[in-house]
C-alpha atoms as a PDB file:
ATOM      1  CA  MET A   1     -62.728  16.306  10.519  1.00  0.00           C
ATOM      2  CA  GLY A   2     -58.856  16.109   9.200  1.00  0.00           C
ATOM      3  CA  SER A   3     -57.796  17.138   5.909  1.00  0.00           C
ATOM      4  CA  ARG A   4     -59.332  15.985   2.646  1.00  0.00           C
ATOM      5  CA  ILE A   5     -57.698  14.196  -0.476  1.00  0.00           C
ATOM      6  CA  TYR A   6     -59.817  16.592  -2.685  1.00  0.00           C
ATOM      7  CA  THR A   7     -59.352  20.049  -2.650  1.00  0.00           C
ATOM      8  CA  ARG A   8     -61.089  20.827  -6.136  1.00  0.00           C
ATOM      9  CA  ARG A   9     -58.006  23.702  -6.264  1.00  0.00           C
ATOM     10  CA  GLY A  10     -56.894  21.673  -9.243  1.00  0.00           C
ATOM     11  CA  ASP A  11     -59.883  21.298 -11.152  1.00  0.00           C
ATOM     12  CA  GLN A  12     -58.946  24.403 -13.994  1.00  0.00           C
ATOM     13  CA  GLY A  13     -55.153  22.753 -14.523  1.00  0.00           C
ATOM     14  CA  HIS A  14     -53.345  24.486 -11.763  1.00  0.00           C
ATOM     15  CA  THR A  15     -51.628  23.123  -8.445  1.00  0.00           C
ATOM     16  CA  SER A  16     -49.843  24.571  -5.476  1.00  0.00           C
ATOM     17  CA  LEU A  17     -46.473  24.481  -4.884  1.00  0.00           C
ATOM     18  CA  VAL A  18     -45.090  24.218  -1.276  1.00  0.00           C
ATOM     19  CA  ASP A  19     -45.209  28.388  -0.575  1.00  0.00           C
ATOM     20  CA  ASP A  20     -48.801  28.136  -2.076  1.00  0.00           C
ATOM     21  CA  SER A  21     -47.857  29.947  -5.171  1.00  0.00           C
ATOM     22  CA  ARG A  22     -50.428  28.462  -8.177  1.00  0.00           C
ATOM     23  CA  VAL A  23     -48.770  27.163 -11.230  1.00  0.00           C
ATOM     24  CA  ARG A  24     -50.133  25.380 -14.332  1.00  0.00           C
ATOM     25  CA  LYS A  25     -49.968  21.453 -13.739  1.00  0.00           C
ATOM     26  CA  ASP A  26     -47.927  21.366 -17.075  1.00  0.00           C
ATOM     27  CA  THR A  27     -45.041  23.420 -16.240  1.00  0.00           C
ATOM     28  CA  ALA A  28     -41.608  22.420 -16.176  1.00  0.00           C
ATOM     29  CA  ARG A  29     -41.224  22.225 -12.389  1.00  0.00           C
ATOM     30  CA  VAL A  30     -44.477  20.391 -11.628  1.00  0.00           C
ATOM     31  CA  ARG A  31     -43.820  17.885 -14.615  1.00  0.00           C
ATOM     32  CA  ALA A  32     -40.037  17.080 -13.218  1.00  0.00           C
ATOM     33  CA  TYR A  33     -41.439  16.501  -9.795  1.00  0.00           C
ATOM     34  CA  GLY A  34     -44.145  14.619 -10.855  1.00  0.00           C
ATOM     35  CA  THR A  35     -42.311  12.354 -12.950  1.00  0.00           C
ATOM     36  CA  VAL A  36     -39.737  11.495  -9.846  1.00  0.00           C
ATOM     37  CA  ASP A  37     -43.024  10.780  -7.839  1.00  0.00           C
ATOM     38  CA  GLU A  38     -43.528   8.192 -10.608  1.00  0.00           C
ATOM     39  CA  ALA A  39     -40.424   6.913 -10.378  1.00  0.00           C
ATOM     40  CA  ASN A  40     -41.069   6.438  -6.806  1.00  0.00           C
ATOM     41  CA  SER A  41     -44.195   4.580  -7.280  1.00  0.00           C
ATOM     42  CA  TRP A  42     -42.935   1.882  -9.343  1.00  0.00           C
ATOM     43  CA  ILE A  43     -40.077   1.331  -6.781  1.00  0.00           C
ATOM     44  CA  GLY A  44     -42.826   0.821  -4.109  1.00  0.00           C
ATOM     45  CA  LEU A  45     -44.203  -1.634  -6.612  1.00  0.00           C
ATOM     46  CA  ALA A  46     -40.924  -3.622  -7.043  1.00  0.00           C
ATOM     47  CA  ARG A  47     -40.527  -3.601  -3.465  1.00  0.00           C
ATOM     48  CA  SER A  48     -43.619  -5.195  -2.954  1.00  0.00           C
ATOM     49  CA  CYS A  49     -42.983  -8.262  -4.724  1.00  0.00           C
ATOM     50  CA  GLN A  50     -39.489  -9.373  -3.313  1.00  0.00           C
ATOM     51  CA  SER A  51     -38.207 -10.381  -0.151  1.00  0.00           C
ATOM     52  CA  ASP A  52     -34.389  -9.827  -0.281  1.00  0.00           C
ATOM     53  CA  PRO A  53     -33.893  -7.194   2.842  1.00  0.00           C
ATOM     54  CA  LEU A  54     -30.788  -5.637   1.307  1.00  0.00           C
ATOM     55  CA  LEU A  55     -32.689  -4.768  -1.483  1.00  0.00           C
ATOM     56  CA  ASP A  56     -35.747  -3.837   0.258  1.00  0.00           C
ATOM     57  CA  GLY A  57     -33.396  -1.755   2.446  1.00  0.00           C
ATOM     58  CA  CYS A  58     -31.985   0.066   0.003  1.00  0.00           C
ATOM     59  CA  LEU A  59     -35.069   0.778  -1.766  1.00  0.00           C
ATOM     60  CA  GLU A  60     -36.633   2.272   0.721  1.00  0.00           C
ATOM     61  CA  PHE A  61     -33.930   4.734   1.278  1.00  0.00           C
ATOM     62  CA  ALA A  62     -33.852   5.562  -2.135  1.00  0.00           C
ATOM     63  CA  GLN A  63     -37.862   6.193  -1.835  1.00  0.00           C
ATOM     64  CA  HIS A  64     -37.384   8.452   1.018  1.00  0.00           C
ATOM     65  CA  ARG A  65     -34.951  10.393  -0.841  1.00  0.00           C
ATOM     66  CA  PHE A  66     -37.061  10.593  -3.780  1.00  0.00           C
ATOM     67  CA  PHE A  67     -39.553  12.212  -1.559  1.00  0.00           C
ATOM     68  CA  ASN A  68     -36.798  14.884  -0.637  1.00  0.00           C
ATOM     69  CA  CYS A  69     -36.367  15.582  -4.384  1.00  0.00           C
ATOM     70  CA  SER A  70     -39.974  15.850  -4.617  1.00  0.00           C
ATOM     71  CA  SER A  71     -40.448  18.188  -2.137  1.00  0.00           C
ATOM     72  CA  ASN A  72     -36.988  20.249  -3.054  1.00  0.00           C
ATOM     73  CA  LEU A  73     -38.577  20.468  -6.456  1.00  0.00           C
ATOM     74  CA  ALA A  74     -41.996  21.773  -5.461  1.00  0.00           C
ATOM     75  CA  THR A  75     -40.353  24.567  -3.399  1.00  0.00           C
ATOM     76  CA  PRO A  76     -39.527  27.507  -5.978  1.00  0.00           C
ATOM     77  CA  PRO A  77     -36.077  28.924  -4.986  1.00  0.00           C
ATOM     78  CA  SER A  78     -37.867  32.766  -4.700  1.00  0.00           C
ATOM     79  CA  SER A  79     -40.351  31.262  -2.038  1.00  0.00           C
ATOM     80  CA  GLY A  80     -37.461  31.440   0.976  1.00  0.00           C
ATOM     81  CA  ILE A  81     -38.656  28.268   2.046  1.00  0.00           C
ATOM     82  CA  GLU A  82     -35.894  25.488   3.083  1.00  0.00           C
ATOM     83  CA  PRO A  83     -36.749  22.354   1.431  1.00  0.00           C
ATOM     84  CA  PRO A  84     -35.706  18.816   2.342  1.00  0.00           C
ATOM     85  CA  ARG A  85     -31.984  18.582   0.711  1.00  0.00           C
ATOM     86  CA  ILE A  86     -30.019  15.591  -1.003  1.00  0.00           C
ATOM     87  CA  ALA A  87     -26.699  15.568   0.548  1.00  0.00           C
ATOM     88  CA  GLN A  88     -23.696  13.963  -1.052  1.00  0.00           C
ATOM     89  CA  PRO A  89     -23.539  10.896   1.315  1.00  0.00           C
ATOM     90  CA  ASP A  90     -27.110  10.182  -0.177  1.00  0.00           C
ATOM     91  CA  ILE A  91     -25.157   9.740  -3.331  1.00  0.00           C
ATOM     92  CA  ASP A  92     -22.221   8.260  -2.002  1.00  0.00           C
ATOM     93  CA  PHE A  93     -24.806   5.583  -0.507  1.00  0.00           C
ATOM     94  CA  LEU A  94     -26.407   5.091  -4.097  1.00  0.00           C
ATOM     95  CA  GLU A  95     -22.810   4.237  -5.453  1.00  0.00           C
ATOM     96  CA  ARG A  96     -21.879   1.800  -2.542  1.00  0.00           C
ATOM     97  CA  ALA A  97     -25.048   0.157  -2.886  1.00  0.00           C
ATOM     98  CA  ILE A  98     -24.387  -0.292  -6.756  1.00  0.00           C
ATOM     99  CA  ASP A  99     -21.098  -1.702  -5.752  1.00  0.00           C
ATOM    100  CA  ARG A 100     -22.473  -3.954  -3.313  1.00  0.00           C
ATOM    101  CA  PHE A 101     -25.245  -5.198  -5.793  1.00  0.00           C
ATOM    102  CA  GLU A 102     -22.497  -5.951  -8.358  1.00  0.00           C
ATOM    103  CA  ASN A 103     -20.908  -8.151  -5.602  1.00  0.00           C
ATOM    104  CA  THR A 104     -23.247 -10.469  -6.420  1.00  0.00           C
ATOM    105  CA  THR A 105     -24.185  -9.699 -10.127  1.00  0.00           C
ATOM    106  CA  GLY A 106     -20.473  -9.260 -11.349  1.00  0.00           C
ATOM    107  CA  PRO A 107     -19.914  -6.010 -13.521  1.00  0.00           C
ATOM    108  CA  LEU A 108     -21.910  -5.736 -16.956  1.00  0.00           C
ATOM    109  CA  ALA A 109     -20.294  -7.316 -19.722  1.00  0.00           C
ATOM    110  CA  HIS A 110     -22.971  -6.385 -22.472  1.00  0.00           C
ATOM    111  CA  PHE A 111     -26.463  -4.688 -22.573  1.00  0.00           C
ATOM    112  CA  ILE A 112     -29.003  -6.457 -21.303  1.00  0.00           C
ATOM    113  CA  LEU A 113     -32.649  -6.669 -21.920  1.00  0.00           C
ATOM    114  CA  PRO A 114     -35.071  -5.093 -19.165  1.00  0.00           C
ATOM    115  CA  GLY A 115     -36.734  -7.904 -17.476  1.00  0.00           C
ATOM    116  CA  GLY A 116     -36.531 -11.368 -15.392  1.00  0.00           C
ATOM    117  CA  CYS A 117     -38.299 -11.848 -12.453  1.00  0.00           C
ATOM    118  CA  ALA A 118     -41.180  -9.378 -11.569  1.00  0.00           C
ATOM    119  CA  CYS A 119     -39.186  -7.006  -9.064  1.00  0.00           C
ATOM    120  CA  ALA A 120     -36.456  -6.275 -11.604  1.00  0.00           C
ATOM    121  CA  GLY A 121     -39.163  -5.679 -14.294  1.00  0.00           C
ATOM    122  CA  PHE A 122     -40.742  -3.060 -12.177  1.00  0.00           C
ATOM    123  CA  LEU A 123     -37.094  -1.617 -11.342  1.00  0.00           C
ATOM    124  CA  HIS A 124     -36.170  -1.148 -14.853  1.00  0.00           C
ATOM    125  CA  VAL A 125     -39.492   0.678 -15.780  1.00  0.00           C
ATOM    126  CA  ALA A 126     -38.659   2.816 -12.613  1.00  0.00           C
ATOM    127  CA  ARG A 127     -35.082   3.493 -14.170  1.00  0.00           C
ATOM    128  CA  THR A 128     -36.658   4.339 -17.495  1.00  0.00           C
ATOM    129  CA  VAL A 129     -39.135   7.059 -15.761  1.00  0.00           C
ATOM    130  CA  CYS A 130     -35.956   8.290 -13.455  1.00  0.00           C
ATOM    131  CA  ARG A 131     -34.266   8.996 -17.043  1.00  0.00           C
ATOM    132  CA  ARG A 132     -37.175  10.858 -17.880  1.00  0.00           C
ATOM    133  CA  ALA A 133     -37.143  12.780 -14.472  1.00  0.00           C
ATOM    134  CA  GLU A 134     -33.240  13.282 -15.415  1.00  0.00           C
ATOM    135  CA  ARG A 135     -34.217  15.026 -18.746  1.00  0.00           C
ATOM    136  CA  LEU A 136     -37.327  16.958 -17.184  1.00  0.00           C
ATOM    137  CA  LEU A 137     -34.570  18.475 -14.858  1.00  0.00           C
ATOM    138  CA  VAL A 138     -31.921  19.622 -17.432  1.00  0.00           C
ATOM    139  CA  THR A 139     -35.055  20.943 -19.274  1.00  0.00           C
ATOM    140  CA  LEU A 140     -36.307  22.927 -15.881  1.00  0.00           C
ATOM    141  CA  SER A 141     -32.501  23.881 -15.182  1.00  0.00           C
ATOM    142  CA  ALA A 142     -32.064  25.654 -18.243  1.00  0.00           C
ATOM    143  CA  THR A 143     -34.617  28.266 -17.286  1.00  0.00           C
ATOM    144  CA  GLU A 144     -34.867  27.887 -13.361  1.00  0.00           C
ATOM    145  CA  HIS A 145     -32.816  27.058 -10.669  1.00  0.00           C
ATOM    146  CA  VAL A 146     -32.759  23.344  -9.888  1.00  0.00           C
ATOM    147  CA  ASP A 147     -30.510  22.113  -6.588  1.00  0.00           C
ATOM    148  CA  PRO A 148     -27.030  20.181  -8.369  1.00  0.00           C
ATOM    149  CA  LEU A 149     -27.377  17.574  -6.227  1.00  0.00           C
ATOM    150  CA  VAL A 150     -30.729  16.686  -6.899  1.00  0.00           C
ATOM    151  CA  GLN A 151     -30.322  16.630 -10.500  1.00  0.00           C
ATOM    152  CA  LYS A 152     -26.951  14.548  -9.483  1.00  0.00           C
ATOM    153  CA  PHE A 153     -29.184  12.220  -7.137  1.00  0.00           C
ATOM    154  CA  VAL A 154     -31.526  11.584 -10.173  1.00  0.00           C
ATOM    155  CA  ASN A 155     -28.869  10.674 -12.467  1.00  0.00           C
ATOM    156  CA  ARG A 156     -27.027   8.140 -10.062  1.00  0.00           C
ATOM    157  CA  ALA A 157     -30.855   6.915  -8.824  1.00  0.00           C
ATOM    158  CA  SER A 158     -31.046   5.659 -12.525  1.00  0.00           C
ATOM    159  CA  ASP A 159     -27.799   3.453 -11.955  1.00  0.00           C
ATOM    160  CA  PHE A 160     -29.099   2.489  -8.891  1.00  0.00           C
ATOM    161  CA  LEU A 161     -32.385   0.903 -10.256  1.00  0.00           C
ATOM    162  CA  PHE A 162     -30.235  -0.685 -12.754  1.00  0.00           C
ATOM    163  CA  ALA A 163     -28.181  -2.312 -10.538  1.00  0.00           C
ATOM    164  CA  ALA A 164     -30.777  -3.099  -8.255  1.00  0.00           C
ATOM    165  CA  ALA A 165     -33.032  -5.010 -11.009  1.00  0.00           C
ATOM    166  CA  ARG A 166     -29.881  -7.069 -12.103  1.00  0.00           C
ATOM    167  CA  TYR A 167     -29.643  -7.974  -8.579  1.00  0.00           C
ATOM    168  CA  ALA A 168     -33.276  -8.675  -8.071  1.00  0.00           C
ATOM    169  CA  ASN A 169     -32.738 -11.320 -10.729  1.00  0.00           C
ATOM    170  CA  ALA A 170     -29.464 -12.608  -9.514  1.00  0.00           C
ATOM    171  CA  VAL A 171     -31.230 -13.340  -5.703  1.00  0.00           C
ATOM    172  CA  SER A 172     -34.380 -15.033  -7.635  1.00  0.00           C
ATOM    173  CA  GLY A 173     -32.195 -17.276  -9.792  1.00  0.00           C
ATOM    174  CA  ARG A 174     -32.780 -15.554 -12.723  1.00  0.00           C
ATOM    175  CA  SER A 175     -30.060 -14.823 -15.444  1.00  0.00           C
ATOM    176  CA  ASP A 176     -29.671 -11.503 -17.275  1.00  0.00           C
ATOM    177  CA  VAL A 177     -30.464 -11.935 -20.705  1.00  0.00           C
ATOM    178  CA  ALA A 178     -28.020 -10.694 -23.247  1.00  0.00           C
ATOM    179  CA  TRP A 179     -29.047  -8.584 -26.056  1.00  0.00           C
ATOM    180  CA  ASP A 180     -28.292 -10.420 -29.175  1.00  0.00           C
ATOM    181  CA  THR A 181     -28.529  -8.075 -32.279  1.00  0.00           C
ATOM    182  CA  GLU A 182     -28.757 -11.377 -34.352  1.00  0.00           C
ATOM    183  CA  ARG A 183     -31.328 -12.935 -32.377  1.00  0.00           C
ATOM    184  CA  THR A 184     -33.742 -15.265 -35.100  1.00  0.00           C
ATOM    185  CA  PRO A 185     -37.461 -15.269 -34.390  1.00  0.00           C
ATOM    186  CA  PRO A 186     -38.960 -18.388 -32.523  1.00  0.00           C
ATOM    187  CA  ARG A 187     -39.538 -21.600 -34.905  1.00  0.00           C
ATOM    188  CA  ASP A 188     -42.917 -22.654 -34.031  1.00  0.00           C
ATOM    189  CA  VAL A 189     -44.560 -18.863 -35.132  1.00  0.00           C
END
């Protein structure tokens, strides 16, 4: 019989890191890689409701690298185990993708409301979860080593997800909705 999804080892609030050391599920390290995983899941949901090949390829690449980030974070530096890495070319790719998306959307001229087509809405949620992951990485790095390129990738990924959301709206025919500080309520309410 193959491996089981459930092990029952986490029933008391602990989990195993890559080196099999046991830690509480609410440690800064577990919160950080769990939040990266959450962002990755939102990206998967966004991918399921769009059909643009450029966007899909870019998002799939990002998902693979988010797994690298999670695995890297789940590997304690003291373990002696070499985790999957994030490299500068991964970050460079995100920047090229942002530039490519902005070739379609144009540069950002004002703050916009999150939303639009379903894909863009999911990407905006992924972006905010990614920002939370970044804050958790900053917290973790105050007491433990965090690969600086993982932290840099997560930071750039939130920008990438923002640009991807705008691109998803553009290719679906939706426009950005500018933030209006003086917006009046609908009349029929």
